[in-house]
Protein backbone atom coordinates (compact mmCIF):
# COMPACT_ATOMS: atom_id res chain seq x y z
CA UNK A 1 -38.59 0.94 -32.90
CA UNK A 2 -38.19 0.01 -36.54
CA UNK A 3 -40.93 0.88 -39.01
CA UNK A 4 -39.49 -1.12 -41.88
CA UNK A 5 -41.70 -3.61 -43.66
CA UNK A 6 -40.47 -6.49 -45.78
CA UNK A 7 -42.78 -7.76 -48.53
CA UNK A 8 -42.13 -11.07 -50.26
CA UNK A 9 -42.11 -11.12 -54.06
CA UNK A 10 -41.38 -13.59 -56.85
CA UNK A 11 -38.78 -11.30 -58.46
CA UNK A 12 -35.62 -13.36 -58.99
CA UNK A 13 -33.37 -11.65 -61.55
CA UNK A 14 -31.76 -8.39 -60.48
CA UNK A 15 -31.12 -7.22 -64.05
CA UNK A 16 -34.80 -7.57 -64.98
CA UNK A 17 -35.87 -5.98 -61.69
CA UNK A 18 -33.54 -3.04 -62.34
CA UNK A 19 -34.84 -2.58 -65.91
CA UNK A 20 -38.43 -2.79 -64.69
CA UNK A 21 -37.84 -0.03 -62.14
CA UNK A 22 -36.21 2.12 -64.85
CA UNK A 23 -39.21 1.49 -67.12
CA UNK A 24 -41.43 2.79 -64.31
CA UNK A 25 -39.41 6.01 -64.07
CA UNK A 26 -37.18 5.18 -61.09
CA UNK A 27 -33.38 5.37 -60.87
CA UNK A 28 -32.31 2.23 -58.98
CA UNK A 29 -28.86 2.03 -57.40
CA UNK A 30 -27.17 -1.37 -57.34
CA UNK A 31 -24.89 -2.64 -54.62
CA UNK A 32 -25.38 -2.74 -50.88
CA UNK A 33 -26.93 0.59 -49.91
CA UNK A 34 -28.95 1.89 -47.00
CA UNK A 35 -32.71 2.35 -47.22
CA UNK A 36 -33.77 5.37 -45.16
CA UNK A 37 -36.84 5.35 -42.96
CA UNK A 38 -38.42 6.92 -39.89
CA UNK A 39 -36.18 9.28 -37.88
CA UNK A 40 -33.09 8.40 -39.86
CA UNK A 41 -33.30 4.66 -39.30
CA UNK A 42 -31.72 2.57 -42.03
CA UNK A 43 -31.66 -1.00 -43.28
CA UNK A 44 -29.38 -2.56 -45.91
CA UNK A 45 -30.64 -3.55 -49.35
CA UNK A 46 -29.06 -4.88 -52.57
CA UNK A 47 -30.95 -2.49 -54.83
CA UNK A 48 -32.32 0.88 -53.73
CA UNK A 49 -34.39 3.73 -55.06
CA UNK A 50 -33.71 6.96 -53.20
CA UNK A 51 -36.84 9.00 -52.68
CA UNK A 52 -36.85 12.76 -52.11
CA UNK A 53 -39.11 12.60 -49.04
CA UNK A 54 -36.50 10.61 -47.07
CA UNK A 55 -38.13 7.17 -47.15
CA UNK A 56 -36.46 4.98 -49.75
CA UNK A 57 -37.53 1.81 -51.53
CA UNK A 58 -35.17 -1.16 -51.37
CA UNK A 59 -34.94 -4.72 -52.58
CA UNK A 60 -33.01 -7.30 -50.61
CA UNK A 61 -32.11 -10.79 -51.82
CA UNK A 62 -33.56 -13.51 -49.63
CA UNK A 63 -30.95 -16.29 -49.81
CA UNK A 64 -33.45 -19.02 -48.92
CA UNK A 65 -36.12 -18.26 -51.53
CA UNK A 66 -33.63 -16.60 -53.93
CA UNK A 67 -36.10 -13.76 -54.49
CA UNK A 68 -35.82 -10.02 -54.00
CA UNK A 69 -38.02 -8.73 -51.18
CA UNK A 70 -39.29 -5.17 -51.05
CA UNK A 71 -38.11 -3.33 -47.94
CA UNK A 72 -39.38 0.14 -47.06
CA UNK A 73 -40.78 2.19 -44.22
CA UNK A 74 -44.43 1.61 -45.01
CA UNK A 75 -45.56 4.40 -42.66
CA UNK A 76 -43.68 6.93 -44.80
CA UNK A 77 -44.78 5.54 -48.19
CA UNK A 78 -45.02 8.59 -50.49
CA UNK A 79 -45.78 7.03 -53.88
CA UNK A 80 -48.83 8.02 -55.93
CA UNK A 81 -50.22 4.49 -55.52
CA UNK A 82 -50.42 2.20 -52.47
CA UNK A 83 -47.59 -0.29 -51.97
CA UNK A 84 -49.78 -3.20 -53.16
CA UNK A 85 -50.52 -1.40 -56.44
CA UNK A 86 -46.85 -0.45 -56.84
CA UNK A 87 -45.85 -4.10 -56.48
CA UNK A 88 -48.56 -5.14 -58.92
CA UNK A 89 -47.30 -2.66 -61.51
CA UNK A 90 -43.69 -3.69 -60.89
CA UNK A 91 -44.54 -7.40 -61.18
CA UNK A 92 -46.38 -6.78 -64.46
CA UNK A 93 -43.40 -4.84 -65.86
CA UNK A 94 -41.03 -7.57 -64.61
CA UNK A 95 -43.13 -10.25 -66.36
CA UNK A 96 -43.17 -8.22 -69.57
CA UNK A 97 -39.39 -7.76 -69.50
CA UNK A 98 -38.93 -11.48 -68.79
CA UNK A 99 -41.08 -12.39 -71.81
CA UNK A 100 -39.31 -9.84 -74.02
CA UNK A 101 -35.90 -11.23 -73.04
CA UNK A 102 -36.98 -14.83 -73.64
CA UNK A 103 -38.57 -14.07 -77.00
CA UNK A 104 -35.47 -12.18 -78.11
CA UNK A 105 -33.22 -15.08 -77.06
CA UNK A 106 -35.41 -17.43 -79.14
CA UNK A 107 -35.10 -15.22 -82.20
CA UNK A 108 -38.50 -13.54 -82.06
CA UNK A 109 -39.18 -9.84 -82.62
CA UNK A 110 -42.00 -7.80 -81.15
CA UNK A 111 -44.32 -6.91 -84.03
CA UNK A 112 -46.91 -5.17 -81.89
CA UNK A 113 -47.35 -4.15 -78.26
CA UNK A 114 -50.69 -2.84 -77.03
CA UNK A 115 -51.24 -1.30 -73.61
CA UNK A 116 -54.95 -1.81 -72.92
CA UNK A 117 -57.16 0.47 -70.84
CA UNK A 118 -57.61 -2.23 -68.22
CA UNK A 119 -53.83 -2.23 -67.64
CA UNK A 120 -53.13 -5.46 -69.50
CA UNK A 121 -50.45 -5.64 -72.17
CA UNK A 122 -50.80 -7.59 -75.39
CA UNK A 123 -47.78 -8.68 -77.42
CA UNK A 124 -47.56 -10.02 -80.95
CA UNK A 125 -44.20 -11.57 -81.72
CA UNK A 126 -42.91 -12.95 -85.00
CA UNK A 127 -39.97 -14.97 -86.21
CA UNK A 128 -38.86 -15.61 -89.73
CA UNK A 129 -37.61 -19.13 -90.31
CA UNK A 130 -34.97 -19.55 -92.96
């Protein structure tokens, strides 16, 4: 019996997802890899984070919604925060990286970034017009 859980997300760009995981201290592996779960069971994912306890975190592209879904053995979840909080933190980091990329492409620079106690992030961006 499989213990793998798939959680829908709104994460669409693999490069930003990868950078967001790195920012959170993970070492994601790209390419089709196996996510390990209960009693050696595996499932394929497009982006994986190998965990030392034997239950990995994976992200698999859903071709219909064109989003990356989280796939993991939820019964063996060994992170310091629950899966819902992990996804919340990842989504926040993903949004930040999306904004940073867009502002950079538009010629803006980050003048100030503040990480508030409540977990929110404030950005001040500037652009010099010539």
